[in-house]
Amino acid sequence: MKRFVDAATLDGPLAVEGVDLPEDVPQAVKDMLPYFEEGNTAPALEFLSPLKGPNLEQITTEVGSGGKTAEEGAKLYDQDVEKQAKQLGLEGW
């Protein structure tokens, strides 16, 4: 991992514990560190869900623009994923 850190231009904190960032990382990366160190981050949905609903982009746009609340968006997304799973014939839906 040290070779990676030495060779790469980092654009965010690493999600690997025990790896120190070099002093010359961009200020934006330094600004993000407290969130990572305090456990106030989570992986993106794409890393948590093996199935994605086809309407995710539209749902997140509605939530981001204030047309729907986060709770409403989450319910819509759950329905979207369930519909997708049924269309694909996945078991358990």
N, C-alpha and C. Protein backbone atom coordinates (compact mmCIF):
# COMPACT_ATOMS: atom_id res chain seq x y z
N MET A 1 0.82 -1.18 0.00
CA MET A 1 0.00 0.00 0.00
C MET A 1 0.87 1.26 0.00
N LYS A 2 2.01 1.20 0.64
CA LYS A 2 2.90 2.36 0.67
C LYS A 2 3.32 2.74 -0.74
N ARG A 3 3.60 1.76 -1.58
CA ARG A 3 3.98 2.06 -2.97
C ARG A 3 2.85 2.77 -3.70
N PHE A 4 1.64 2.32 -3.45
CA PHE A 4 0.49 2.98 -4.08
C PHE A 4 0.40 4.43 -3.64
N VAL A 5 0.46 4.65 -2.33
CA VAL A 5 0.36 6.01 -1.79
C VAL A 5 1.49 6.89 -2.34
N ASP A 6 2.70 6.33 -2.44
CA ASP A 6 3.83 7.10 -2.94
C ASP A 6 3.68 7.44 -4.43
N ALA A 7 3.05 6.55 -5.19
CA ALA A 7 2.96 6.73 -6.64
C ALA A 7 1.71 7.48 -7.09
N ALA A 8 0.66 7.42 -6.29
CA ALA A 8 -0.63 7.97 -6.71
C ALA A 8 -0.81 9.41 -6.25
N THR A 9 -1.67 10.11 -6.95
CA THR A 9 -2.15 11.40 -6.49
C THR A 9 -3.48 11.13 -5.82
N LEU A 10 -3.52 11.23 -4.52
CA LEU A 10 -4.71 10.86 -3.77
C LEU A 10 -5.77 11.96 -3.87
N ASP A 11 -7.01 11.54 -4.10
CA ASP A 11 -8.11 12.50 -4.17
C ASP A 11 -9.11 12.28 -3.04
N GLY A 12 -8.71 11.52 -2.04
CA GLY A 12 -9.54 11.28 -0.87
C GLY A 12 -8.81 10.40 0.11
N PRO A 13 -9.30 10.35 1.35
CA PRO A 13 -8.69 9.47 2.34
C PRO A 13 -8.81 8.01 1.89
N LEU A 14 -7.91 7.20 2.35
CA LEU A 14 -7.96 5.78 2.01
C LEU A 14 -8.92 5.05 2.93
N ALA A 15 -9.61 4.07 2.41
CA ALA A 15 -10.54 3.27 3.21
C ALA A 15 -9.83 2.07 3.81
N VAL A 16 -8.54 2.19 4.02
CA VAL A 16 -7.73 1.12 4.59
C VAL A 16 -7.12 1.64 5.89
N GLU A 17 -7.38 0.94 6.97
CA GLU A 17 -6.84 1.38 8.26
C GLU A 17 -5.34 1.12 8.33
N GLY A 18 -4.65 1.99 9.06
CA GLY A 18 -3.23 1.80 9.30
C GLY A 18 -2.32 2.34 8.22
N VAL A 19 -2.87 3.05 7.26
CA VAL A 19 -2.05 3.63 6.20
C VAL A 19 -2.04 5.14 6.40
N ASP A 20 -0.87 5.69 6.59
CA ASP A 20 -0.73 7.13 6.79
C ASP A 20 -0.66 7.84 5.44
N LEU A 21 -1.31 8.97 5.37
CA LEU A 21 -1.26 9.78 4.16
C LEU A 21 -0.02 10.66 4.19
N PRO A 22 0.55 10.93 3.04
CA PRO A 22 1.70 11.83 3.00
C PRO A 22 1.27 13.25 3.35
N GLU A 23 2.23 14.06 3.76
CA GLU A 23 1.95 15.44 4.16
C GLU A 23 1.48 16.30 2.99
N ASP A 24 1.84 15.92 1.77
CA ASP A 24 1.54 16.78 0.62
C ASP A 24 0.22 16.47 -0.07
N VAL A 25 -0.70 15.78 0.63
CA VAL A 25 -2.00 15.54 0.01
C VAL A 25 -2.75 16.86 -0.11
N PRO A 26 -3.66 16.98 -1.07
CA PRO A 26 -4.41 18.23 -1.22
C PRO A 26 -5.20 18.59 0.04
N GLN A 27 -5.43 19.86 0.25
CA GLN A 27 -6.16 20.33 1.43
C GLN A 27 -7.54 19.70 1.52
N ALA A 28 -8.19 19.48 0.39
CA ALA A 28 -9.52 18.88 0.40
C ALA A 28 -9.48 17.49 1.06
N VAL A 29 -8.43 16.73 0.81
CA VAL A 29 -8.28 15.41 1.43
C VAL A 29 -8.10 15.58 2.94
N LYS A 30 -7.29 16.53 3.33
CA LYS A 30 -7.10 16.79 4.77
C LYS A 30 -8.42 17.19 5.43
N ASP A 31 -9.23 17.96 4.72
CA ASP A 31 -10.52 18.38 5.26
C ASP A 31 -11.49 17.21 5.46
N MET A 32 -11.34 16.18 4.65
CA MET A 32 -12.22 15.00 4.75
C MET A 32 -11.83 14.06 5.89
N LEU A 33 -10.57 14.09 6.29
CA LEU A 33 -10.06 13.14 7.27
C LEU A 33 -10.88 13.02 8.55
N PRO A 34 -11.31 14.13 9.17
CA PRO A 34 -12.08 13.98 10.42
C PRO A 34 -13.33 13.11 10.26
N TYR A 35 -13.99 13.20 9.12
CA TYR A 35 -15.19 12.38 8.89
C TYR A 35 -14.84 10.89 8.89
N PHE A 36 -13.74 10.56 8.26
CA PHE A 36 -13.29 9.17 8.23
C PHE A 36 -12.84 8.71 9.61
N GLU A 37 -12.07 9.55 10.28
CA GLU A 37 -11.51 9.18 11.58
C GLU A 37 -12.60 9.03 12.65
N GLU A 38 -13.70 9.77 12.52
CA GLU A 38 -14.78 9.71 13.50
C GLU A 38 -15.85 8.68 13.11
N GLY A 39 -15.63 7.98 12.01
CA GLY A 39 -16.60 6.96 11.59
C GLY A 39 -17.87 7.53 11.00
N ASN A 40 -17.80 8.72 10.45
CA ASN A 40 -18.97 9.37 9.87
C ASN A 40 -19.05 9.21 8.36
N THR A 41 -18.65 8.08 7.87
CA THR A 41 -18.72 7.80 6.44
C THR A 41 -19.34 6.42 6.25
N ALA A 42 -19.77 6.15 5.05
CA ALA A 42 -20.32 4.84 4.69
C ALA A 42 -20.05 4.59 3.21
N PRO A 43 -19.95 3.34 2.82
CA PRO A 43 -19.73 3.06 1.40
C PRO A 43 -20.94 3.48 0.57
N ALA A 44 -20.70 3.77 -0.67
CA ALA A 44 -21.77 4.11 -1.59
C ALA A 44 -22.66 2.89 -1.81
N LEU A 45 -23.91 3.14 -2.17
CA LEU A 45 -24.88 2.08 -2.39
C LEU A 45 -24.37 1.01 -3.35
N GLU A 46 -23.63 1.42 -4.36
CA GLU A 46 -23.15 0.46 -5.34
C GLU A 46 -22.24 -0.61 -4.73
N PHE A 47 -21.63 -0.31 -3.58
CA PHE A 47 -20.77 -1.28 -2.93
C PHE A 47 -21.53 -2.14 -1.92
N LEU A 48 -22.75 -1.77 -1.60
CA LEU A 48 -23.54 -2.50 -0.61
C LEU A 48 -24.61 -3.39 -1.23
N SER A 49 -25.06 -3.05 -2.39
CA SER A 49 -26.18 -3.75 -3.00
C SER A 49 -25.76 -4.48 -4.27
N PRO A 50 -26.04 -5.78 -4.34
CA PRO A 50 -25.72 -6.50 -5.56
C PRO A 50 -26.70 -6.20 -6.70
N LEU A 51 -27.80 -5.55 -6.38
CA LEU A 51 -28.83 -5.23 -7.37
C LEU A 51 -29.14 -3.75 -7.32
N LYS A 52 -29.23 -3.14 -8.45
CA LYS A 52 -29.55 -1.72 -8.52
C LYS A 52 -30.84 -1.52 -9.29
N GLY A 53 -31.66 -0.62 -8.79
CA GLY A 53 -32.89 -0.30 -9.50
C GLY A 53 -32.59 0.61 -10.68
N PRO A 54 -33.31 0.43 -11.78
CA PRO A 54 -33.03 1.22 -12.98
C PRO A 54 -33.38 2.70 -12.85
N ASN A 55 -34.18 3.05 -11.85
CA ASN A 55 -34.61 4.44 -11.71
C ASN A 55 -33.84 5.21 -10.65
N LEU A 56 -32.70 4.69 -10.22
CA LEU A 56 -31.93 5.33 -9.16
C LEU A 56 -31.59 6.78 -9.51
N GLU A 57 -31.16 7.03 -10.71
CA GLU A 57 -30.76 8.39 -11.09
C GLU A 57 -31.93 9.37 -10.96
N GLN A 58 -33.10 8.96 -11.42
CA GLN A 58 -34.26 9.84 -11.33
C GLN A 58 -34.67 10.07 -9.87
N ILE A 59 -34.60 8.99 -9.07
CA ILE A 59 -35.01 9.11 -7.66
C ILE A 59 -34.05 10.04 -6.91
N THR A 60 -32.76 9.87 -7.13
CA THR A 60 -31.80 10.73 -6.42
C THR A 60 -31.91 12.18 -6.89
N THR A 61 -32.25 12.39 -8.14
CA THR A 61 -32.46 13.75 -8.64
C THR A 61 -33.66 14.38 -7.95
N GLU A 62 -34.74 13.61 -7.81
CA GLU A 62 -35.93 14.13 -7.12
C GLU A 62 -35.62 14.50 -5.67
N VAL A 63 -34.87 13.64 -4.99
CA VAL A 63 -34.52 13.90 -3.59
C VAL A 63 -33.57 15.10 -3.52
N GLY A 64 -32.56 15.11 -4.37
CA GLY A 64 -31.57 16.19 -4.35
C GLY A 64 -32.15 17.54 -4.67
N SER A 65 -33.20 17.57 -5.50
CA SER A 65 -33.81 18.85 -5.87
C SER A 65 -34.92 19.25 -4.91
N GLY A 66 -35.20 18.41 -3.91
CA GLY A 66 -36.22 18.75 -2.93
C GLY A 66 -37.62 18.32 -3.30
N GLY A 67 -37.78 17.63 -4.41
CA GLY A 67 -39.10 17.16 -4.84
C GLY A 67 -39.63 16.03 -3.97
N LYS A 68 -38.74 15.29 -3.37
CA LYS A 68 -39.09 14.18 -2.47
C LYS A 68 -38.17 14.24 -1.27
N THR A 69 -38.66 13.72 -0.14
CA THR A 69 -37.80 13.63 1.05
C THR A 69 -36.90 12.40 0.89
N ALA A 70 -35.89 12.33 1.74
CA ALA A 70 -35.00 11.16 1.71
C ALA A 70 -35.79 9.89 2.00
N GLU A 71 -36.73 9.96 2.94
CA GLU A 71 -37.54 8.78 3.27
C GLU A 71 -38.40 8.35 2.08
N GLU A 72 -39.00 9.31 1.40
CA GLU A 72 -39.80 9.00 0.22
C GLU A 72 -38.92 8.37 -0.87
N GLY A 73 -37.74 8.94 -1.06
CA GLY A 73 -36.81 8.40 -2.05
C GLY A 73 -36.39 6.98 -1.72
N ALA A 74 -36.14 6.72 -0.44
CA ALA A 74 -35.74 5.37 -0.03
C ALA A 74 -36.86 4.37 -0.30
N LYS A 75 -38.09 4.75 -0.03
CA LYS A 75 -39.22 3.86 -0.29
C LYS A 75 -39.37 3.60 -1.79
N LEU A 76 -39.25 4.65 -2.58
CA LEU A 76 -39.32 4.49 -4.04
C LEU A 76 -38.21 3.57 -4.55
N TYR A 77 -37.03 3.75 -3.99
CA TYR A 77 -35.91 2.92 -4.44
C TYR A 77 -36.11 1.46 -4.05
N ASP A 78 -36.62 1.22 -2.84
CA ASP A 78 -36.91 -0.15 -2.43
C ASP A 78 -37.91 -0.80 -3.39
N GLN A 79 -38.94 -0.05 -3.77
CA GLN A 79 -39.93 -0.55 -4.72
C GLN A 79 -39.29 -0.81 -6.08
N ASP A 80 -38.40 0.07 -6.49
CA ASP A 80 -37.72 -0.05 -7.78
C ASP A 80 -36.84 -1.31 -7.81
N VAL A 81 -36.11 -1.54 -6.73
CA VAL A 81 -35.25 -2.72 -6.65
C VAL A 81 -36.08 -3.99 -6.63
N GLU A 82 -37.19 -3.98 -5.88
CA GLU A 82 -38.05 -5.16 -5.83
C GLU A 82 -38.60 -5.48 -7.21
N LYS A 83 -39.05 -4.47 -7.93
CA LYS A 83 -39.57 -4.66 -9.28
C LYS A 83 -38.49 -5.24 -10.19
N GLN A 84 -37.28 -4.71 -10.08
CA GLN A 84 -36.17 -5.19 -10.90
C GLN A 84 -35.86 -6.66 -10.58
N ALA A 85 -35.84 -7.00 -9.30
CA ALA A 85 -35.55 -8.38 -8.89
C ALA A 85 -36.59 -9.34 -9.42
N LYS A 86 -37.85 -8.94 -9.37
CA LYS A 86 -38.93 -9.79 -9.89
C LYS A 86 -38.81 -9.95 -11.40
N GLN A 87 -38.50 -8.87 -12.10
CA GLN A 87 -38.33 -8.95 -13.54
C GLN A 87 -37.18 -9.88 -13.92
N LEU A 88 -36.15 -9.90 -13.10
CA LEU A 88 -35.00 -10.77 -13.36
C LEU A 88 -35.22 -12.19 -12.87
N GLY A 89 -36.35 -12.42 -12.18
CA GLY A 89 -36.65 -13.75 -11.69
C GLY A 89 -35.78 -14.20 -10.53
N LEU A 90 -35.31 -13.26 -9.73
CA LEU A 90 -34.46 -13.61 -8.60
C LEU A 90 -35.30 -14.20 -7.46
N GLU A 91 -34.77 -15.19 -6.80
CA GLU A 91 -35.47 -15.85 -5.71
C GLU A 91 -35.59 -14.92 -4.50
N GLY A 92 -36.63 -15.14 -3.71
CA GLY A 92 -36.81 -14.39 -2.47
C GLY A 92 -37.56 -13.09 -2.59
N TRP A 93 -38.06 -12.77 -3.77
CA TRP A 93 -38.78 -11.50 -3.96
C TRP A 93 -40.22 -11.82 -4.24
